[in-house]
Amino acid sequence: MIQRILAIAALTLLLAGCAVDRTTGERTLKSAAAGAAGGAVAGLFYGNPLTKAAVGGAAGAAGGFVYDQLSR
């Protein structure tokens, strides 16, 4: 349990130091939300909606970030 808490704390500190452009953050967040929603809907039809929402959210965030970087 303590290892998990330390891992989460370390990850939080690493991410807190990241500077993100406002446009990049907005596109990444919107894409993550859309991916999570799509994953949850797919999970309702095919089972395990929480896992599919997490995977969809991660894929959406990655896609939104890459799209933002390529559209500059």
C-alpha atoms as a PDB file:
ATOM      1  CA  MET A   1       0.000   0.000   0.000  1.00  0.00           C
ATOM      2  CA  ILE A   2       2.795   2.423   0.860  1.00  0.00           C
ATOM      3  CA  GLN A   3       4.507   1.659  -2.443  1.00  0.00           C
ATOM      4  CA  ARG A   4       1.370   2.661  -4.327  1.00  0.00           C
ATOM      5  CA  ILE A   5       1.096   5.909  -2.407  1.00  0.00           C
ATOM      6  CA  LEU A   6       4.746   6.719  -3.071  1.00  0.00           C
ATOM      7  CA  ALA A   7       4.339   5.899  -6.770  1.00  0.00           C
ATOM      8  CA  ILE A   8       1.288   8.146  -7.060  1.00  0.00           C
ATOM      9  CA  ALA A   9       3.073  10.948  -5.193  1.00  0.00           C
ATOM     10  CA  ALA A  10       6.122  10.651  -7.457  1.00  0.00           C
ATOM     11  CA  LEU A  11       3.966  10.682 -10.576  1.00  0.00           C
ATOM     12  CA  THR A  12       2.068  13.715  -9.316  1.00  0.00           C
ATOM     13  CA  LEU A  13       5.288  15.607  -8.696  1.00  0.00           C
ATOM     14  CA  LEU A  14       6.620  14.727 -12.144  1.00  0.00           C
ATOM     15  CA  LEU A  15       3.445  15.858 -13.872  1.00  0.00           C
ATOM     16  CA  ALA A  16       3.168  19.020 -11.784  1.00  0.00           C
ATOM     17  CA  GLY A  17       6.432  20.264 -13.254  1.00  0.00           C
ATOM     18  CA  CYS A  18       5.213  20.000 -16.840  1.00  0.00           C
ATOM     19  CA  ALA A  19       4.379  23.250 -18.584  1.00  0.00           C
ATOM     20  CA  VAL A  20       1.612  22.837 -21.143  1.00  0.00           C
ATOM     21  CA  ASP A  21       0.455  25.310 -23.732  1.00  0.00           C
ATOM     22  CA  ARG A  22      -3.188  26.239 -23.174  1.00  0.00           C
ATOM     23  CA  THR A  23      -4.286  25.058 -26.627  1.00  0.00           C
ATOM     24  CA  THR A  24      -2.452  21.753 -26.230  1.00  0.00           C
ATOM     25  CA  GLY A  25      -4.036  21.153 -22.841  1.00  0.00           C
ATOM     26  CA  GLU A  26      -7.519  21.948 -24.103  1.00  0.00           C
ATOM     27  CA  ARG A  27      -7.239  19.679 -27.146  1.00  0.00           C
ATOM     28  CA  THR A  28      -5.784  16.854 -25.087  1.00  0.00           C
ATOM     29  CA  LEU A  29      -8.495  17.156 -22.438  1.00  0.00           C
ATOM     30  CA  LYS A  30     -11.341  17.313 -24.967  1.00  0.00           C
ATOM     31  CA  SER A  31      -9.980  14.325 -26.854  1.00  0.00           C
ATOM     32  CA  ALA A  32      -9.546  12.366 -23.626  1.00  0.00           C
ATOM     33  CA  ALA A  33     -13.141  13.087 -22.638  1.00  0.00           C
ATOM     34  CA  ALA A  34     -14.436  12.034 -26.048  1.00  0.00           C
ATOM     35  CA  GLY A  35     -12.337   8.867 -25.964  1.00  0.00           C
ATOM     36  CA  ALA A  36     -13.514   7.994 -22.469  1.00  0.00           C
ATOM     37  CA  ALA A  37     -17.141   8.536 -23.441  1.00  0.00           C
ATOM     38  CA  GLY A  38     -16.746   6.398 -26.551  1.00  0.00           C
ATOM     39  CA  GLY A  39     -14.986   3.685 -24.573  1.00  0.00           C
ATOM     40  CA  ALA A  40     -17.710   3.672 -21.929  1.00  0.00           C
ATOM     41  CA  VAL A  41     -20.418   3.331 -24.568  1.00  0.00           C
ATOM     42  CA  ALA A  42     -18.534   0.479 -26.226  1.00  0.00           C
ATOM     43  CA  GLY A  43     -18.140  -1.109 -22.797  1.00  0.00           C
ATOM     44  CA  LEU A  44     -21.885  -0.980 -22.239  1.00  0.00           C
ATOM     45  CA  PHE A  45     -22.402  -3.063 -25.362  1.00  0.00           C
ATOM     46  CA  TYR A  46     -19.417  -5.397 -25.046  1.00  0.00           C
ATOM     47  CA  GLY A  47     -18.836  -5.529 -21.276  1.00  0.00           C
ATOM     48  CA  ASN A  48     -16.444  -3.934 -18.788  1.00  0.00           C
ATOM     49  CA  PRO A  49     -17.222  -0.230 -19.376  1.00  0.00           C
ATOM     50  CA  LEU A  50     -14.720   1.135 -16.828  1.00  0.00           C
ATOM     51  CA  THR A  51     -11.742  -0.527 -18.462  1.00  0.00           C
ATOM     52  CA  LYS A  52     -12.857   0.486 -21.920  1.00  0.00           C
ATOM     53  CA  ALA A  53     -13.445   4.071 -20.730  1.00  0.00           C
ATOM     54  CA  ALA A  54      -9.916   4.208 -19.277  1.00  0.00           C
ATOM     55  CA  VAL A  55      -8.393   2.827 -22.482  1.00  0.00           C
ATOM     56  CA  GLY A  56     -10.519   5.171 -24.614  1.00  0.00           C
ATOM     57  CA  GLY A  57      -9.535   8.141 -22.484  1.00  0.00           C
ATOM     58  CA  ALA A  58      -5.842   7.332 -22.758  1.00  0.00           C
ATOM     59  CA  ALA A  59      -6.112   6.816 -26.510  1.00  0.00           C
ATOM     60  CA  GLY A  60      -8.080  10.044 -26.904  1.00  0.00           C
ATOM     61  CA  ALA A  61      -5.555  12.026 -24.873  1.00  0.00           C
ATOM     62  CA  ALA A  62      -2.673  10.648 -26.908  1.00  0.00           C
ATOM     63  CA  GLY A  63      -4.509  11.352 -30.159  1.00  0.00           C
ATOM     64  CA  GLY A  64      -5.393  14.891 -29.127  1.00  0.00           C
ATOM     65  CA  PHE A  65      -1.812  15.639 -28.113  1.00  0.00           C
ATOM     66  CA  VAL A  66      -0.377  14.246 -31.346  1.00  0.00           C
ATOM     67  CA  TYR A  67      -2.952  16.141 -33.410  1.00  0.00           C
ATOM     68  CA  ASP A  68      -2.036  19.374 -31.638  1.00  0.00           C
ATOM     69  CA  GLN A  69       1.674  18.838 -32.224  1.00  0.00           C
ATOM     70  CA  LEU A  70       1.200  18.051 -35.926  1.00  0.00           C
ATOM     71  CA  SER A  71      -1.223  20.925 -36.584  1.00  0.00           C
ATOM     72  CA  ARG A  72       1.280  23.641 -35.663  1.00  0.00           C
END
